Amino acid sequence: MIVKSEGKELPDRVFEEAGALAAYYSKGRNSEKVEVDYLQRRGLKKVTGGAPGFVIYHSNYSLMAVPRLELKEADG
């Protein structure tokens, strides 16, 4: 999943909701919580000669997400 920030700082809620969606669409969908890694695009690298979609990454962060498809309404 890609979240475009246009160089701006993203609120924590964006990470939580993106993590929940990523967890929902993962093999861990039926788990209570799923560990989701996230990083900035510059930390992602395509492997030369690798299979389509195969990448390596560094400088990543992790969060624990509850798999869910529905998103909460914004406050305000």
PDB file of N, CA and C in Angstrom:
ATOM      1  N   MET A   1       0.849  -1.159   0.000  1.00  0.00           N
ATOM      2  CA  MET A   1       0.000   0.000   0.000  1.00  0.00           C
ATOM      3  C   MET A   1       0.901   1.231   0.000  1.00  0.00           C
ATOM      4  N   ILE A   2       0.535   2.209  -0.771  1.00  0.00           N
ATOM      5  CA  ILE A   2       1.305   3.444  -0.857  1.00  0.00           C
ATOM      6  C   ILE A   2       0.441   4.596  -0.359  1.00  0.00           C
ATOM      7  N   VAL A   3       1.014   5.396   0.527  1.00  0.00           N
ATOM      8  CA  VAL A   3       0.344   6.595   1.024  1.00  0.00           C
ATOM      9  C   VAL A   3       1.204   7.781   0.588  1.00  0.00           C
ATOM     10  N   LYS A   4       0.645   8.640  -0.217  1.00  0.00           N
ATOM     11  CA  LYS A   4       1.380   9.820  -0.681  1.00  0.00           C
ATOM     12  C   LYS A   4       1.246  10.933   0.350  1.00  0.00           C
ATOM     13  N   SER A   5       2.374  11.537   0.692  1.00  0.00           N
ATOM     14  CA  SER A   5       2.371  12.577   1.721  1.00  0.00           C
ATOM     15  C   SER A   5       2.748  13.951   1.188  1.00  0.00           C
ATOM     16  N   GLU A   6       3.218  14.015  -0.059  1.00  0.00           N
ATOM     17  CA  GLU A   6       3.661  15.275  -0.658  1.00  0.00           C
ATOM     18  C   GLU A   6       4.688  15.979   0.234  1.00  0.00           C
ATOM     19  N   GLY A   7       5.529  15.192   0.890  1.00  0.00           N
ATOM     20  CA  GLY A   7       6.583  15.742   1.726  1.00  0.00           C
ATOM     21  C   GLY A   7       6.146  16.230   3.089  1.00  0.00           C
ATOM     22  N   LYS A   8       4.863  16.070   3.418  1.00  0.00           N
ATOM     23  CA  LYS A   8       4.342  16.549   4.701  1.00  0.00           C
ATOM     24  C   LYS A   8       4.350  15.428   5.738  1.00  0.00           C
ATOM     25  N   GLU A   9       4.375  15.821   6.993  1.00  0.00           N
ATOM     26  CA  GLU A   9       4.283  14.881   8.113  1.00  0.00           C
ATOM     27  C   GLU A   9       2.870  14.295   8.147  1.00  0.00           C
ATOM     28  N   LEU A  10       2.769  12.980   8.272  1.00  0.00           N
ATOM     29  CA  LEU A  10       1.464  12.323   8.320  1.00  0.00           C
ATOM     30  C   LEU A  10       1.026  12.105   9.764  1.00  0.00           C
ATOM     31  N   PRO A  11      -0.261  12.290  10.054  1.00  0.00           N
ATOM     32  CA  PRO A  11      -0.748  12.025  11.415  1.00  0.00           C
ATOM     33  C   PRO A  11      -0.733  10.521  11.709  1.00  0.00           C
ATOM     34  N   ASP A  12      -0.643  10.165  12.974  1.00  0.00           N
ATOM     35  CA  ASP A  12      -0.605   8.764  13.385  1.00  0.00           C
ATOM     36  C   ASP A  12      -1.792   7.980  12.852  1.00  0.00           C
ATOM     37  N   ARG A  13      -2.926   8.623  12.749  1.00  0.00           N
ATOM     38  CA  ARG A  13      -4.140   7.943  12.274  1.00  0.00           C
ATOM     39  C   ARG A  13      -3.946   7.345  10.876  1.00  0.00           C
ATOM     40  N   VAL A  14      -3.188   8.023  10.013  1.00  0.00           N
ATOM     41  CA  VAL A  14      -2.931   7.522   8.663  1.00  0.00           C
ATOM     42  C   VAL A  14      -2.177   6.195   8.738  1.00  0.00           C
ATOM     43  N   PHE A  15      -1.174   6.119   9.605  1.00  0.00           N
ATOM     44  CA  PHE A  15      -0.401   4.890   9.755  1.00  0.00           C
ATOM     45  C   PHE A  15      -1.273   3.763  10.308  1.00  0.00           C
ATOM     46  N   GLU A  16      -2.118   4.088  11.278  1.00  0.00           N
ATOM     47  CA  GLU A  16      -2.995   3.078  11.883  1.00  0.00           C
ATOM     48  C   GLU A  16      -3.989   2.524  10.866  1.00  0.00           C
ATOM     49  N   GLU A  17      -4.611   3.396  10.081  1.00  0.00           N
ATOM     50  CA  GLU A  17      -5.608   2.943   9.113  1.00  0.00           C
ATOM     51  C   GLU A  17      -4.960   2.211   7.940  1.00  0.00           C
ATOM     52  N   ALA A  18      -3.829   2.697   7.465  1.00  0.00           N
ATOM     53  CA  ALA A  18      -3.123   2.005   6.381  1.00  0.00           C
ATOM     54  C   ALA A  18      -2.655   0.634   6.863  1.00  0.00           C
ATOM     55  N   GLY A  19      -2.176   0.560   8.110  1.00  0.00           N
ATOM     56  CA  GLY A  19      -1.755  -0.720   8.679  1.00  0.00           C
ATOM     57  C   GLY A  19      -2.914  -1.695   8.804  1.00  0.00           C
ATOM     58  N   ALA A  20      -4.083  -1.199   9.217  1.00  0.00           N
ATOM     59  CA  ALA A  20      -5.265  -2.052   9.354  1.00  0.00           C
ATOM     60  C   ALA A  20      -5.687  -2.610   7.998  1.00  0.00           C
ATOM     61  N   LEU A  21      -5.652  -1.784   6.968  1.00  0.00           N
ATOM     62  CA  LEU A  21      -6.003  -2.244   5.621  1.00  0.00           C
ATOM     63  C   LEU A  21      -4.970  -3.245   5.092  1.00  0.00           C
ATOM     64  N   ALA A  22      -3.694  -2.946   5.296  1.00  0.00           N
ATOM     65  CA  ALA A  22      -2.645  -3.871   4.847  1.00  0.00           C
ATOM     66  C   ALA A  22      -2.777  -5.215   5.557  1.00  0.00           C
ATOM     67  N   ALA A  23      -3.078  -5.190   6.853  1.00  0.00           N
ATOM     68  CA  ALA A  23      -3.256  -6.430   7.620  1.00  0.00           C
ATOM     69  C   ALA A  23      -4.466  -7.205   7.112  1.00  0.00           C
ATOM     70  N   TYR A  24      -5.536  -6.495   6.768  1.00  0.00           N
ATOM     71  CA  TYR A  24      -6.752  -7.137   6.270  1.00  0.00           C
ATOM     72  C   TYR A  24      -6.484  -7.878   4.962  1.00  0.00           C
ATOM     73  N   TYR A  25      -5.686  -7.290   4.093  1.00  0.00           N
ATOM     74  CA  TYR A  25      -5.401  -7.892   2.794  1.00  0.00           C
ATOM     75  C   TYR A  25      -4.188  -8.820   2.820  1.00  0.00           C
ATOM     76  N   SER A  26      -3.699  -9.168   4.001  1.00  0.00           N
ATOM     77  CA  SER A  26      -2.554 -10.073   4.136  1.00  0.00           C
ATOM     78  C   SER A  26      -3.022 -11.486   4.476  1.00  0.00           C
ATOM     79  N   LYS A  27      -2.059 -12.406   4.523  1.00  0.00           N
ATOM     80  CA  LYS A  27      -2.363 -13.785   4.924  1.00  0.00           C
ATOM     81  C   LYS A  27      -2.808 -13.855   6.376  1.00  0.00           C
ATOM     82  N   GLY A  28      -2.470 -12.837   7.161  1.00  0.00           N
ATOM     83  CA  GLY A  28      -2.822 -12.802   8.582  1.00  0.00           C
ATOM     84  C   GLY A  28      -4.193 -12.220   8.864  1.00  0.00           C
ATOM     85  N   ARG A  29      -5.024 -12.098   7.853  1.00  0.00           N
ATOM     86  CA  ARG A  29      -6.348 -11.476   7.987  1.00  0.00           C
ATOM     87  C   ARG A  29      -7.144 -12.016   9.172  1.00  0.00           C
ATOM     88  N   ASN A  30      -7.055 -13.300   9.456  1.00  0.00           N
ATOM     89  CA  ASN A  30      -7.852 -13.903  10.522  1.00  0.00           C
ATOM     90  C   ASN A  30      -7.169 -13.861  11.891  1.00  0.00           C
ATOM     91  N   SER A  31      -6.011 -13.245  11.970  1.00  0.00           N
ATOM     92  CA  SER A  31      -5.302 -13.100  13.242  1.00  0.00           C
ATOM     93  C   SER A  31      -5.867 -11.922  14.029  1.00  0.00           C
ATOM     94  N   GLU A  32      -5.639 -11.947  15.343  1.00  0.00           N
ATOM     95  CA  GLU A  32      -6.107 -10.846  16.180  1.00  0.00           C
ATOM     96  C   GLU A  32      -5.328  -9.565  15.883  1.00  0.00           C
ATOM     97  N   LYS A  33      -4.015  -9.698  15.737  1.00  0.00           N
ATOM     98  CA  LYS A  33      -3.144  -8.570  15.385  1.00  0.00           C
ATOM     99  C   LYS A  33      -2.091  -9.056  14.405  1.00  0.00           C
ATOM    100  N   VAL A  34      -1.645  -8.156  13.535  1.00  0.00           N
ATOM    101  CA  VAL A  34      -0.653  -8.477  12.517  1.00  0.00           C
ATOM    102  C   VAL A  34       0.452  -7.423  12.574  1.00  0.00           C
ATOM    103  N   GLU A  35       1.703  -7.857  12.500  1.00  0.00           N
ATOM    104  CA  GLU A  35       2.809  -6.915  12.437  1.00  0.00           C
ATOM    105  C   GLU A  35       2.948  -6.416  10.998  1.00  0.00           C
ATOM    106  N   VAL A  36       2.950  -5.104  10.830  1.00  0.00           N
ATOM    107  CA  VAL A  36       3.033  -4.482   9.515  1.00  0.00           C
ATOM    108  C   VAL A  36       4.285  -3.609   9.484  1.00  0.00           C
ATOM    109  N   ASP A  37       5.116  -3.799   8.451  1.00  0.00           N
ATOM    110  CA  ASP A  37       6.290  -2.959   8.261  1.00  0.00           C
ATOM    111  C   ASP A  37       5.929  -1.798   7.344  1.00  0.00           C
ATOM    112  N   TYR A  38       6.520  -0.639   7.599  1.00  0.00           N
ATOM    113  CA  TYR A  38       6.329   0.510   6.724  1.00  0.00           C
ATOM    114  C   TYR A  38       7.626   1.280   6.630  1.00  0.00           C
ATOM    115  N   LEU A  39       7.797   2.029   5.544  1.00  0.00           N
ATOM    116  CA  LEU A  39       9.017   2.777   5.308  1.00  0.00           C
ATOM    117  C   LEU A  39       8.774   3.858   4.271  1.00  0.00           C
ATOM    118  N   GLN A  40       9.748   4.728   4.127  1.00  0.00           N
ATOM    119  CA  GLN A  40       9.679   5.728   3.074  1.00  0.00           C
ATOM    120  C   GLN A  40      10.111   5.072   1.769  1.00  0.00           C
ATOM    121  N   ARG A  41       9.625   5.587   0.676  1.00  0.00           N
ATOM    122  CA  ARG A  41       9.895   4.999  -0.633  1.00  0.00           C
ATOM    123  C   ARG A  41      11.384   4.866  -0.926  1.00  0.00           C
ATOM    124  N   ARG A  42      12.194   5.799  -0.472  1.00  0.00           N
ATOM    125  CA  ARG A  42      13.622   5.753  -0.773  1.00  0.00           C
ATOM    126  C   ARG A  42      14.325   4.566  -0.117  1.00  0.00           C
ATOM    127  N   GLY A  43      13.677   3.901   0.837  1.00  0.00           N
ATOM    128  CA  GLY A  43      14.258   2.726   1.474  1.00  0.00           C
ATOM    129  C   GLY A  43      13.908   1.424   0.776  1.00  0.00           C
ATOM    130  N   LEU A  44      13.257   1.497  -0.384  1.00  0.00           N
ATOM    131  CA  LEU A  44      12.794   0.336  -1.133  1.00  0.00           C
ATOM    132  C   LEU A  44      13.648   0.145  -2.370  1.00  0.00           C
ATOM    133  N   LYS A  45      14.039  -1.107  -2.667  1.00  0.00           N
ATOM    134  CA  LYS A  45      14.875  -1.356  -3.832  1.00  0.00           C
ATOM    135  C   LYS A  45      14.430  -2.619  -4.538  1.00  0.00           C
ATOM    136  N   LYS A  46      14.259  -2.531  -5.866  1.00  0.00           N
ATOM    137  CA  LYS A  46      13.938  -3.683  -6.694  1.00  0.00           C
ATOM    138  C   LYS A  46      15.195  -4.530  -6.828  1.00  0.00           C
ATOM    139  N   VAL A  47      15.044  -5.838  -6.703  1.00  0.00           N
ATOM    140  CA  VAL A  47      16.181  -6.748  -6.831  1.00  0.00           C
ATOM    141  C   VAL A  47      16.420  -7.018  -8.315  1.00  0.00           C
ATOM    142  N   THR A  48      17.641  -6.766  -8.778  1.00  0.00           N
ATOM    143  CA  THR A  48      17.981  -7.024 -10.170  1.00  0.00           C
ATOM    144  C   THR A  48      17.789  -8.505 -10.483  1.00  0.00           C
ATOM    145  N   GLY A  49      16.990  -8.779 -11.503  1.00  0.00           N
ATOM    146  CA  GLY A  49      16.724 -10.165 -11.897  1.00  0.00           C
ATOM    147  C   GLY A  49      15.718 -10.867 -11.005  1.00  0.00           C
ATOM    148  N   GLY A  50      15.163 -10.165 -10.050  1.00  0.00           N
ATOM    149  CA  GLY A  50      14.196 -10.757  -9.124  1.00  0.00           C
ATOM    150  C   GLY A  50      12.829 -10.919  -9.760  1.00  0.00           C
ATOM    151  N   ALA A  51      12.005 -11.720  -9.131  1.00  0.00           N
ATOM    152  CA  ALA A  51      10.642 -11.945  -9.609  1.00  0.00           C
ATOM    153  C   ALA A  51       9.848 -10.640  -9.547  1.00  0.00           C
ATOM    154  N   PRO A  52       8.828 -10.520 -10.388  1.00  0.00           N
ATOM    155  CA  PRO A  52       7.987  -9.326 -10.344  1.00  0.00           C
ATOM    156  C   PRO A  52       7.413  -9.099  -8.938  1.00  0.00           C
ATOM    157  N   GLY A  53       7.538  -7.884  -8.448  1.00  0.00           N
ATOM    158  CA  GLY A  53       7.028  -7.548  -7.130  1.00  0.00           C
ATOM    159  C   GLY A  53       7.980  -7.845  -5.992  1.00  0.00           C
ATOM    160  N   PHE A  54       9.126  -8.486  -6.270  1.00  0.00           N
ATOM    161  CA  PHE A  54      10.082  -8.815  -5.217  1.00  0.00           C
ATOM    162  C   PHE A  54      11.004  -7.620  -4.984  1.00  0.00           C
ATOM    163  N   VAL A  55      11.044  -7.147  -3.759  1.00  0.00           N
ATOM    164  CA  VAL A  55      11.873  -6.002  -3.394  1.00  0.00           C
ATOM    165  C   VAL A  55      12.574  -6.286  -2.067  1.00  0.00           C
ATOM    166  N   ILE A  56      13.591  -5.501  -1.777  1.00  0.00           N
ATOM    167  CA  ILE A  56      14.214  -5.516  -0.456  1.00  0.00           C
ATOM    168  C   ILE A  56      14.066  -4.108   0.115  1.00  0.00           C
ATOM    169  N   TYR A  57      14.131  -4.008   1.432  1.00  0.00           N
ATOM    170  CA  TYR A  57      14.017  -2.694   2.037  1.00  0.00           C
ATOM    171  C   TYR A  57      14.872  -2.608   3.289  1.00  0.00           C
ATOM    172  N   HIS A  58      15.169  -1.372   3.662  1.00  0.00           N
ATOM    173  CA  HIS A  58      15.915  -1.088   4.888  1.00  0.00           C
ATOM    174  C   HIS A  58      15.347   0.183   5.498  1.00  0.00           C
ATOM    175  N   SER A  59      15.755   0.482   6.691  1.00  0.00           N
ATOM    176  CA  SER A  59      15.253   1.642   7.434  1.00  0.00           C
ATOM    177  C   SER A  59      13.739   1.597   7.589  1.00  0.00           C
ATOM    178  N   ASN A  60      13.228   0.414   7.925  1.00  0.00           N
ATOM    179  CA  ASN A  60      11.786   0.264   8.082  1.00  0.00           C
ATOM    180  C   ASN A  60      11.363   0.397   9.536  1.00  0.00           C
ATOM    181  N   TYR A  61      10.079   0.599   9.728  1.00  0.00           N
ATOM    182  CA  TYR A  61       9.451   0.666  11.039  1.00  0.00           C
ATOM    183  C   TYR A  61       8.364  -0.409  11.065  1.00  0.00           C
ATOM    184  N   SER A  62       7.897  -0.759  12.230  1.00  0.00           N
ATOM    185  CA  SER A  62       6.837  -1.760  12.356  1.00  0.00           C
ATOM    186  C   SER A  62       5.748  -1.250  13.288  1.00  0.00           C
ATOM    187  N   LEU A  63       4.532  -1.739  13.049  1.00  0.00           N
ATOM    188  CA  LEU A  63       3.428  -1.457  13.957  1.00  0.00           C
ATOM    189  C   LEU A  63       2.547  -2.701  14.022  1.00  0.00           C
ATOM    190  N   MET A  64       1.809  -2.827  15.108  1.00  0.00           N
ATOM    191  CA  MET A  64       0.859  -3.924  15.261  1.00  0.00           C
ATOM    192  C   MET A  64      -0.516  -3.382  14.871  1.00  0.00           C
ATOM    193  N   ALA A  65      -1.172  -4.076  13.939  1.00  0.00           N
ATOM    194  CA  ALA A  65      -2.458  -3.608  13.424  1.00  0.00           C
ATOM    195  C   ALA A  65      -3.519  -4.690  13.570  1.00  0.00           C
ATOM    196  N   VAL A  66      -4.727  -4.258  13.856  1.00  0.00           N
ATOM    197  CA  VAL A  66      -5.889  -5.150  13.884  1.00  0.00           C
ATOM    198  C   VAL A  66      -6.455  -5.161  12.467  1.00  0.00           C
ATOM    199  N   PRO A  67      -6.505  -6.322  11.811  1.00  0.00           N
ATOM    200  CA  PRO A  67      -7.029  -6.365  10.441  1.00  0.00           C
ATOM    201  C   PRO A  67      -8.481  -5.911  10.383  1.00  0.00           C
ATOM    202  N   ARG A  68      -8.761  -4.887   9.595  1.00  0.00           N
ATOM    203  CA  ARG A  68     -10.136  -4.430   9.415  1.00  0.00           C
ATOM    204  C   ARG A  68     -10.238  -3.674   8.105  1.00  0.00           C
ATOM    205  N   LEU A  69     -11.408  -3.765   7.518  1.00  0.00           N
ATOM    206  CA  LEU A  69     -11.654  -3.123   6.232  1.00  0.00           C
ATOM    207  C   LEU A  69     -12.318  -1.764   6.401  1.00  0.00           C
ATOM    208  N   GLU A  70     -13.179  -1.637   7.424  1.00  0.00           N
ATOM    209  CA  GLU A  70     -13.883  -0.371   7.619  1.00  0.00           C
ATOM    210  C   GLU A  70     -12.983   0.632   8.336  1.00  0.00           C
ATOM    211  N   LEU A  71     -13.118   1.889   7.959  1.00  0.00           N
ATOM    212  CA  LEU A  71     -12.324   2.950   8.568  1.00  0.00           C
ATOM    213  C   LEU A  71     -13.223   3.785   9.469  1.00  0.00           C
ATOM    214  N   LYS A  72     -12.629   4.393  10.463  1.00  0.00           N
ATOM    215  CA  LYS A  72     -13.388   5.245  11.392  1.00  0.00           C
ATOM    216  C   LYS A  72     -13.637   6.609  10.764  1.00  0.00           C
ATOM    217  N   GLU A  73     -14.729   7.240  11.167  1.00  0.00           N
ATOM    218  CA  GLU A  73     -15.039   8.592  10.711  1.00  0.00           C
ATOM    219  C   GLU A  73     -14.039   9.572  11.301  1.00  0.00           C
ATOM    220  N   ALA A  74     -13.694  10.592  10.546  1.00  0.00           N
ATOM    221  CA  ALA A  74     -12.778  11.624  11.034  1.00  0.00           C
ATOM    222  C   ALA A  74     -13.490  12.474  12.083  1.00  0.00           C
ATOM    223  N   ASP A  75     -12.746  12.864  13.113  1.00  0.00           N
ATOM    224  CA  ASP A  75     -13.300  13.755  14.132  1.00  0.00           C
ATOM    225  C   ASP A  75     -13.384  15.167  13.582  1.00  0.00           C
ATOM    226  N   GLY A  76     -14.430  15.880  13.979  1.00  0.00           N
ATOM    227  CA  GLY A  76     -14.524  17.282  13.605  1.00  0.00           C
ATOM    228  C   GLY A  76     -15.430  17.496  12.529  1.00  0.00           C
TER     229      GLY A  76
END
